[in-house]
ModelCIF file with pLDDT and N, C-alpha, C, O atoms, coordinates in Angstrom:
data_MODEL
#
_entry.id   MODEL 
#
_entity.id                         1 
_entity.type                       polymer 
_entity.pdbx_number_of_molecules   1 
#
_entity_poly.entity_id                      1 
_entity_poly.type                           'polypeptide(L)' 
_entity_poly.nstd_linkage                   no 
_entity_poly.nstd_monomer                   no 
_entity_poly.pdbx_seq_one_letter_code       SLLTAKAQQQPKEKSSLLWEISGKDLKSPSWLYG 
_entity_poly.pdbx_seq_one_letter_code_can   SLLTAKAQQQPKEKSSLLWEISGKDLKSPSWLYG 
_entity_poly.pdbx_strand_id                 A 
#
loop_
_entity_poly_seq.entity_id 
_entity_poly_seq.num 
_entity_poly_seq.mon_id 
_entity_poly_seq.hetero 
1 1  SER n 
1 2  LEU n 
1 3  LEU n 
1 4  THR n 
1 5  ALA n 
1 6  LYS n 
1 7  ALA n 
1 8  GLN n 
1 9  GLN n 
1 10 GLN n 
1 11 PRO n 
1 12 LYS n 
1 13 GLU n 
1 14 LYS n 
1 15 SER n 
1 16 SER n 
1 17 LEU n 
1 18 LEU n 
1 19 TRP n 
1 20 GLU n 
1 21 ILE n 
1 22 SER n 
1 23 GLY n 
1 24 LYS n 
1 25 ASP n 
1 26 LEU n 
1 27 LYS n 
1 28 SER n 
1 29 PRO n 
1 30 SER n 
1 31 TRP n 
1 32 LEU n 
1 33 TYR n 
1 34 GLY n 
#
_struct_asym.id          A 
_struct_asym.entity_id   1 
#
loop_
_ma_qa_metric.id 
_ma_qa_metric.mode 
_ma_qa_metric.name 
_ma_qa_metric.software_group_id 
_ma_qa_metric.type 
1 global pLDDT . pLDDT 
2 local  pLDDT . pLDDT 
#
_ma_qa_metric_global.metric_id      1 
_ma_qa_metric_global.metric_value   76.59 
_ma_qa_metric_global.model_id       1 
_ma_qa_metric_global.ordinal_id     1 
#
loop_
_ma_qa_metric_local.label_asym_id 
_ma_qa_metric_local.label_comp_id 
_ma_qa_metric_local.label_seq_id 
_ma_qa_metric_local.metric_id 
_ma_qa_metric_local.metric_value 
_ma_qa_metric_local.model_id 
_ma_qa_metric_local.ordinal_id 
A SER 1  2 54.00 1 1  
A LEU 2  2 51.00 1 2  
A LEU 3  2 53.00 1 3  
A THR 4  2 52.00 1 4  
A ALA 5  2 44.00 1 5  
A LYS 6  2 38.00 1 6  
A ALA 7  2 38.00 1 7  
A GLN 8  2 43.00 1 8  
A GLN 9  2 42.00 1 9  
A GLN 10 2 43.00 1 10 
A PRO 11 2 48.00 1 11 
A LYS 12 2 59.00 1 12 
A GLU 13 2 65.00 1 13 
A LYS 14 2 77.00 1 14 
A SER 15 2 79.00 1 15 
A SER 16 2 94.00 1 16 
A LEU 17 2 95.00 1 17 
A LEU 18 2 97.00 1 18 
A TRP 19 2 98.00 1 19 
A GLU 20 2 98.00 1 20 
A ILE 21 2 98.00 1 21 
A SER 22 2 97.00 1 22 
A GLY 23 2 95.00 1 23 
A LYS 24 2 92.00 1 24 
A ASP 25 2 85.00 1 25 
A LEU 26 2 95.00 1 26 
A LYS 27 2 94.00 1 27 
A SER 28 2 96.00 1 28 
A PRO 29 2 98.00 1 29 
A SER 30 2 98.00 1 30 
A TRP 31 2 98.00 1 31 
A LEU 32 2 98.00 1 32 
A TYR 33 2 97.00 1 33 
A GLY 34 2 95.00 1 34 
#
loop_
_atom_site.group_PDB 
_atom_site.id 
_atom_site.type_symbol 
_atom_site.label_atom_id 
_atom_site.label_alt_id 
_atom_site.label_comp_id 
_atom_site.label_asym_id 
_atom_site.label_entity_id 
_atom_site.label_seq_id 
_atom_site.pdbx_PDB_ins_code 
_atom_site.Cartn_x 
_atom_site.Cartn_y 
_atom_site.Cartn_z 
_atom_site.occupancy 
_atom_site.B_iso_or_equiv 
_atom_site.pdbx_formal_charge 
_atom_site.auth_seq_id 
_atom_site.auth_comp_id 
_atom_site.auth_asym_id 
_atom_site.auth_atom_id 
_atom_site.pdbx_PDB_model_num 
ATOM 1   N N  . SER A 1 1  ? 119.021 33.935 109.095 1.00 54.00 ? 1  SER A N  1 
ATOM 2   C CA . SER A 1 1  ? 119.173 34.176 107.663 1.00 54.00 ? 1  SER A CA 1 
ATOM 3   C C  . SER A 1 1  ? 117.835 34.189 106.953 1.00 54.00 ? 1  SER A C  1 
ATOM 4   O O  . SER A 1 1  ? 117.605 35.013 106.068 1.00 54.00 ? 1  SER A O  1 
ATOM 5   N N  . LEU A 1 2  ? 116.948 33.276 107.339 1.00 51.00 ? 2  LEU A N  1 
ATOM 6   C CA . LEU A 1 2  ? 115.652 33.231 106.664 1.00 51.00 ? 2  LEU A CA 1 
ATOM 7   C C  . LEU A 1 2  ? 114.783 34.406 107.079 1.00 51.00 ? 2  LEU A C  1 
ATOM 8   O O  . LEU A 1 2  ? 114.173 35.051 106.226 1.00 51.00 ? 2  LEU A O  1 
ATOM 9   N N  . LEU A 1 3  ? 114.715 34.695 108.366 1.00 53.00 ? 3  LEU A N  1 
ATOM 10  C CA . LEU A 1 3  ? 113.801 35.738 108.839 1.00 53.00 ? 3  LEU A CA 1 
ATOM 11  C C  . LEU A 1 3  ? 114.273 37.128 108.453 1.00 53.00 ? 3  LEU A C  1 
ATOM 12  O O  . LEU A 1 3  ? 113.459 37.993 108.130 1.00 53.00 ? 3  LEU A O  1 
ATOM 13  N N  . THR A 1 4  ? 115.577 37.348 108.484 1.00 52.00 ? 4  THR A N  1 
ATOM 14  C CA . THR A 1 4  ? 116.056 38.670 108.120 1.00 52.00 ? 4  THR A CA 1 
ATOM 15  C C  . THR A 1 4  ? 116.134 38.757 106.613 1.00 52.00 ? 4  THR A C  1 
ATOM 16  O O  . THR A 1 4  ? 117.193 39.057 106.064 1.00 52.00 ? 4  THR A O  1 
ATOM 17  N N  . ALA A 1 5  ? 115.041 38.503 105.945 1.00 44.00 ? 5  ALA A N  1 
ATOM 18  C CA . ALA A 1 5  ? 115.001 38.537 104.499 1.00 44.00 ? 5  ALA A CA 1 
ATOM 19  C C  . ALA A 1 5  ? 114.363 39.830 103.968 1.00 44.00 ? 5  ALA A C  1 
ATOM 20  O O  . ALA A 1 5  ? 113.166 39.725 103.702 1.00 44.00 ? 5  ALA A O  1 
ATOM 21  N N  . LYS A 1 6  ? 115.049 41.281 103.719 1.00 38.00 ? 6  LYS A N  1 
ATOM 22  C CA . LYS A 1 6  ? 115.244 42.390 102.737 1.00 38.00 ? 6  LYS A CA 1 
ATOM 23  C C  . LYS A 1 6  ? 115.782 43.611 103.438 1.00 38.00 ? 6  LYS A C  1 
ATOM 24  O O  . LYS A 1 6  ? 115.120 44.191 104.298 1.00 38.00 ? 6  LYS A O  1 
ATOM 25  N N  . ALA A 1 7  ? 116.905 43.975 103.094 1.00 38.00 ? 7  ALA A N  1 
ATOM 26  C CA . ALA A 1 7  ? 117.438 45.180 103.728 1.00 38.00 ? 7  ALA A CA 1 
ATOM 27  C C  . ALA A 1 7  ? 117.309 46.378 102.837 1.00 38.00 ? 7  ALA A C  1 
ATOM 28  O O  . ALA A 1 7  ? 116.245 46.627 102.270 1.00 38.00 ? 7  ALA A O  1 
ATOM 29  N N  . GLN A 1 8  ? 118.382 47.125 102.706 1.00 43.00 ? 8  GLN A N  1 
ATOM 30  C CA . GLN A 1 8  ? 118.316 48.427 102.067 1.00 43.00 ? 8  GLN A CA 1 
ATOM 31  C C  . GLN A 1 8  ? 119.175 48.442 100.810 1.00 43.00 ? 8  GLN A C  1 
ATOM 32  O O  . GLN A 1 8  ? 119.952 47.521 100.560 1.00 43.00 ? 8  GLN A O  1 
ATOM 33  N N  . GLN A 1 9  ? 119.024 49.498 100.029 1.00 42.00 ? 9  GLN A N  1 
ATOM 34  C CA . GLN A 1 9  ? 119.808 49.650 98.806  1.00 42.00 ? 9  GLN A CA 1 
ATOM 35  C C  . GLN A 1 9  ? 121.121 50.355 99.122  1.00 42.00 ? 9  GLN A C  1 
ATOM 36  O O  . GLN A 1 9  ? 121.195 51.146 100.063 1.00 42.00 ? 9  GLN A O  1 
ATOM 37  N N  . GLN A 1 10 ? 122.159 50.067 98.335  1.00 43.00 ? 10 GLN A N  1 
ATOM 38  C CA . GLN A 1 10 ? 123.380 50.824 98.441  1.00 43.00 ? 10 GLN A CA 1 
ATOM 39  C C  . GLN A 1 10 ? 123.926 51.033 97.033  1.00 43.00 ? 10 GLN A C  1 
ATOM 40  O O  . GLN A 1 10 ? 123.585 50.277 96.123  1.00 43.00 ? 10 GLN A O  1 
ATOM 41  N N  . PRO A 1 11 ? 124.766 52.045 96.840  1.00 48.00 ? 11 PRO A N  1 
ATOM 42  C CA . PRO A 1 11 ? 125.259 52.355 95.506  1.00 48.00 ? 11 PRO A CA 1 
ATOM 43  C C  . PRO A 1 11 ? 125.907 51.137 94.846  1.00 48.00 ? 11 PRO A C  1 
ATOM 44  O O  . PRO A 1 11 ? 126.534 50.305 95.503  1.00 48.00 ? 11 PRO A O  1 
ATOM 45  N N  . LYS A 1 12 ? 125.737 51.064 93.547  1.00 59.00 ? 12 LYS A N  1 
ATOM 46  C CA . LYS A 1 12 ? 126.304 49.942 92.800  1.00 59.00 ? 12 LYS A CA 1 
ATOM 47  C C  . LYS A 1 12 ? 127.826 49.968 92.861  1.00 59.00 ? 12 LYS A C  1 
ATOM 48  O O  . LYS A 1 12 ? 128.437 51.005 92.603  1.00 59.00 ? 12 LYS A O  1 
ATOM 49  N N  . GLU A 1 13 ? 128.427 48.867 93.192  1.00 65.00 ? 13 GLU A N  1 
ATOM 50  C CA . GLU A 1 13 ? 129.867 48.706 93.132  1.00 65.00 ? 13 GLU A CA 1 
ATOM 51  C C  . GLU A 1 13 ? 130.156 47.236 92.922  1.00 65.00 ? 13 GLU A C  1 
ATOM 52  O O  . GLU A 1 13 ? 129.232 46.422 92.934  1.00 65.00 ? 13 GLU A O  1 
ATOM 53  N N  . LYS A 1 14 ? 131.382 46.882 92.735  1.00 77.00 ? 14 LYS A N  1 
ATOM 54  C CA . LYS A 1 14 ? 131.718 45.503 92.469  1.00 77.00 ? 14 LYS A CA 1 
ATOM 55  C C  . LYS A 1 14 ? 131.223 44.609 93.606  1.00 77.00 ? 14 LYS A C  1 
ATOM 56  O O  . LYS A 1 14 ? 131.295 44.971 94.780  1.00 77.00 ? 14 LYS A O  1 
ATOM 57  N N  . SER A 1 15 ? 130.726 43.450 93.232  1.00 79.00 ? 15 SER A N  1 
ATOM 58  C CA . SER A 1 15 ? 130.226 42.508 94.227  1.00 79.00 ? 15 SER A CA 1 
ATOM 59  C C  . SER A 1 15 ? 131.354 41.634 94.750  1.00 79.00 ? 15 SER A C  1 
ATOM 60  O O  . SER A 1 15 ? 132.255 41.246 94.007  1.00 79.00 ? 15 SER A O  1 
ATOM 61  N N  . SER A 1 16 ? 131.291 41.336 96.024  1.00 94.00 ? 16 SER A N  1 
ATOM 62  C CA . SER A 1 16 ? 132.260 40.440 96.639  1.00 94.00 ? 16 SER A CA 1 
ATOM 63  C C  . SER A 1 16 ? 131.738 39.996 97.995  1.00 94.00 ? 16 SER A C  1 
ATOM 64  O O  . SER A 1 16 ? 130.966 40.703 98.643  1.00 94.00 ? 16 SER A O  1 
ATOM 65  N N  . LEU A 1 17 ? 132.166 38.826 98.408  1.00 95.00 ? 17 LEU A N  1 
ATOM 66  C CA . LEU A 1 17 ? 131.889 38.390 99.776  1.00 95.00 ? 17 LEU A CA 1 
ATOM 67  C C  . LEU A 1 17 ? 132.982 38.872 100.715 1.00 95.00 ? 17 LEU A C  1 
ATOM 68  O O  . LEU A 1 17 ? 132.780 38.936 101.928 1.00 95.00 ? 17 LEU A O  1 
ATOM 69  N N  . LEU A 1 18 ? 134.149 39.215 100.154 1.00 97.00 ? 18 LEU A N  1 
ATOM 70  C CA . LEU A 1 18 ? 135.296 39.646 100.955 1.00 97.00 ? 18 LEU A CA 1 
ATOM 71  C C  . LEU A 1 18 ? 135.539 41.134 100.785 1.00 97.00 ? 18 LEU A C  1 
ATOM 72  O O  . LEU A 1 18 ? 135.593 41.639 99.664  1.00 97.00 ? 18 LEU A O  1 
ATOM 73  N N  . TRP A 1 19 ? 135.687 41.846 101.924 1.00 98.00 ? 19 TRP A N  1 
ATOM 74  C CA . TRP A 1 19 ? 135.910 43.284 101.928 1.00 98.00 ? 19 TRP A CA 1 
ATOM 75  C C  . TRP A 1 19 ? 137.105 43.618 102.817 1.00 98.00 ? 19 TRP A C  1 
ATOM 76  O O  . TRP A 1 19 ? 137.262 43.067 103.906 1.00 98.00 ? 19 TRP A O  1 
ATOM 77  N N  . GLU A 1 20 ? 137.935 44.523 102.334 1.00 98.00 ? 20 GLU A N  1 
ATOM 78  C CA . GLU A 1 20 ? 139.088 44.968 103.115 1.00 98.00 ? 20 GLU A CA 1 
ATOM 79  C C  . GLU A 1 20 ? 138.722 46.227 103.896 1.00 98.00 ? 20 GLU A C  1 
ATOM 80  O O  . GLU A 1 20 ? 138.139 47.165 103.353 1.00 98.00 ? 20 GLU A O  1 
ATOM 81  N N  . ILE A 1 21 ? 139.076 46.230 105.182 1.00 98.00 ? 21 ILE A N  1 
ATOM 82  C CA . ILE A 1 21 ? 138.857 47.390 106.051 1.00 98.00 ? 21 ILE A CA 1 
ATOM 83  C C  . ILE A 1 21 ? 140.202 48.053 106.302 1.00 98.00 ? 21 ILE A C  1 
ATOM 84  O O  . ILE A 1 21 ? 141.124 47.408 106.801 1.00 98.00 ? 21 ILE A O  1 
ATOM 85  N N  . SER A 1 22 ? 140.326 49.331 105.963 1.00 97.00 ? 22 SER A N  1 
ATOM 86  C CA . SER A 1 22 ? 141.595 50.036 106.153 1.00 97.00 ? 22 SER A CA 1 
ATOM 87  C C  . SER A 1 22 ? 141.302 51.500 106.474 1.00 97.00 ? 22 SER A C  1 
ATOM 88  O O  . SER A 1 22 ? 140.149 51.909 106.610 1.00 97.00 ? 22 SER A O  1 
ATOM 89  N N  . GLY A 1 23 ? 142.381 52.275 106.591 1.00 95.00 ? 23 GLY A N  1 
ATOM 90  C CA . GLY A 1 23 ? 142.227 53.707 106.822 1.00 95.00 ? 23 GLY A CA 1 
ATOM 91  C C  . GLY A 1 23 ? 142.011 54.040 108.285 1.00 95.00 ? 23 GLY A C  1 
ATOM 92  O O  . GLY A 1 23 ? 142.148 53.193 109.168 1.00 95.00 ? 23 GLY A O  1 
ATOM 93  N N  . LYS A 1 24 ? 141.669 55.304 108.515 1.00 92.00 ? 24 LYS A N  1 
ATOM 94  C CA . LYS A 1 24 ? 141.466 55.853 109.850 1.00 92.00 ? 24 LYS A CA 1 
ATOM 95  C C  . LYS A 1 24 ? 142.703 55.569 110.703 1.00 92.00 ? 24 LYS A C  1 
ATOM 96  O O  . LYS A 1 24 ? 143.803 55.979 110.331 1.00 92.00 ? 24 LYS A O  1 
ATOM 97  N N  . ASP A 1 25 ? 142.553 54.872 111.847 1.00 85.00 ? 25 ASP A N  1 
ATOM 98  C CA . ASP A 1 25 ? 143.694 54.664 112.739 1.00 85.00 ? 25 ASP A CA 1 
ATOM 99  C C  . ASP A 1 25 ? 144.290 53.265 112.611 1.00 85.00 ? 25 ASP A C  1 
ATOM 100 O O  . ASP A 1 25 ? 145.080 52.859 113.463 1.00 85.00 ? 25 ASP A O  1 
ATOM 101 N N  . LEU A 1 26 ? 143.931 52.521 111.569 1.00 95.00 ? 26 LEU A N  1 
ATOM 102 C CA . LEU A 1 26 ? 144.413 51.150 111.447 1.00 95.00 ? 26 LEU A CA 1 
ATOM 103 C C  . LEU A 1 26 ? 145.836 51.108 110.910 1.00 95.00 ? 26 LEU A C  1 
ATOM 104 O O  . LEU A 1 26 ? 146.145 51.748 109.905 1.00 95.00 ? 26 LEU A O  1 
ATOM 105 N N  . LYS A 1 27 ? 146.700 50.356 111.579 1.00 94.00 ? 27 LYS A N  1 
ATOM 106 C CA . LYS A 1 27 ? 148.083 50.203 111.138 1.00 94.00 ? 27 LYS A CA 1 
ATOM 107 C C  . LYS A 1 27 ? 148.183 49.190 110.008 1.00 94.00 ? 27 LYS A C  1 
ATOM 108 O O  . LYS A 1 27 ? 149.100 49.257 109.189 1.00 94.00 ? 27 LYS A O  1 
ATOM 109 N N  . SER A 1 28 ? 147.259 48.267 109.962 1.00 96.00 ? 28 SER A N  1 
ATOM 110 C CA . SER A 1 28 ? 147.224 47.257 108.902 1.00 96.00 ? 28 SER A CA 1 
ATOM 111 C C  . SER A 1 28 ? 145.755 46.896 108.654 1.00 96.00 ? 28 SER A C  1 
ATOM 112 O O  . SER A 1 28 ? 144.916 47.066 109.539 1.00 96.00 ? 28 SER A O  1 
ATOM 113 N N  . PRO A 1 29 ? 145.450 46.407 107.472 1.00 98.00 ? 29 PRO A N  1 
ATOM 114 C CA . PRO A 1 29 ? 144.046 46.131 107.141 1.00 98.00 ? 29 PRO A CA 1 
ATOM 115 C C  . PRO A 1 29 ? 143.477 44.929 107.885 1.00 98.00 ? 29 PRO A C  1 
ATOM 116 O O  . PRO A 1 29 ? 144.213 44.046 108.325 1.00 98.00 ? 29 PRO A O  1 
ATOM 117 N N  . SER A 1 30 ? 142.164 44.912 108.015 1.00 98.00 ? 30 SER A N  1 
ATOM 118 C CA . SER A 1 30 ? 141.422 43.744 108.463 1.00 98.00 ? 30 SER A CA 1 
ATOM 119 C C  . SER A 1 30 ? 140.427 43.398 107.360 1.00 98.00 ? 30 SER A C  1 
ATOM 120 O O  . SER A 1 30 ? 140.358 44.088 106.343 1.00 98.00 ? 30 SER A O  1 
ATOM 121 N N  . TRP A 1 31 ? 139.656 42.325 107.563 1.00 98.00 ? 31 TRP A N  1 
ATOM 122 C CA . TRP A 1 31 ? 138.772 41.865 106.491 1.00 98.00 ? 31 TRP A CA 1 
ATOM 123 C C  . TRP A 1 31 ? 137.390 41.520 107.035 1.00 98.00 ? 31 TRP A C  1 
ATOM 124 O O  . TRP A 1 31 ? 137.234 41.049 108.161 1.00 98.00 ? 31 TRP A O  1 
ATOM 125 N N  . LEU A 1 32 ? 136.411 41.769 106.199 1.00 98.00 ? 32 LEU A N  1 
ATOM 126 C CA . LEU A 1 32 ? 135.008 41.483 106.502 1.00 98.00 ? 32 LEU A CA 1 
ATOM 127 C C  . LEU A 1 32 ? 134.496 40.510 105.451 1.00 98.00 ? 32 LEU A C  1 
ATOM 128 O O  . LEU A 1 32 ? 134.636 40.750 104.252 1.00 98.00 ? 32 LEU A O  1 
ATOM 129 N N  . TYR A 1 33 ? 133.907 39.417 105.901 1.00 97.00 ? 33 TYR A N  1 
ATOM 130 C CA . TYR A 1 33 ? 133.478 38.372 104.975 1.00 97.00 ? 33 TYR A CA 1 
ATOM 131 C C  . TYR A 1 33 ? 132.007 38.039 105.211 1.00 97.00 ? 33 TYR A C  1 
ATOM 132 O O  . TYR A 1 33 ? 131.574 37.915 106.356 1.00 97.00 ? 33 TYR A O  1 
ATOM 133 N N  . GLY A 1 34 ? 131.245 37.894 104.143 1.00 95.00 ? 34 GLY A N  1 
ATOM 134 C CA . GLY A 1 34 ? 129.824 37.564 104.234 1.00 95.00 ? 34 GLY A CA 1 
ATOM 135 C C  . GLY A 1 34 ? 129.586 36.073 104.077 1.00 95.00 ? 34 GLY A C  1 
ATOM 136 O O  . GLY A 1 34 ? 128.442 35.622 104.128 1.00 95.00 ? 34 GLY A O  1 
#
């Protein structure tokens, strides 16, 4: 966490630690958490 300190920019959108993964071939959603 300390060493990997600055990544890249991404378009502005709502901030959250929790993200829902859906679509494509998924029958039900999964979740990504920071």
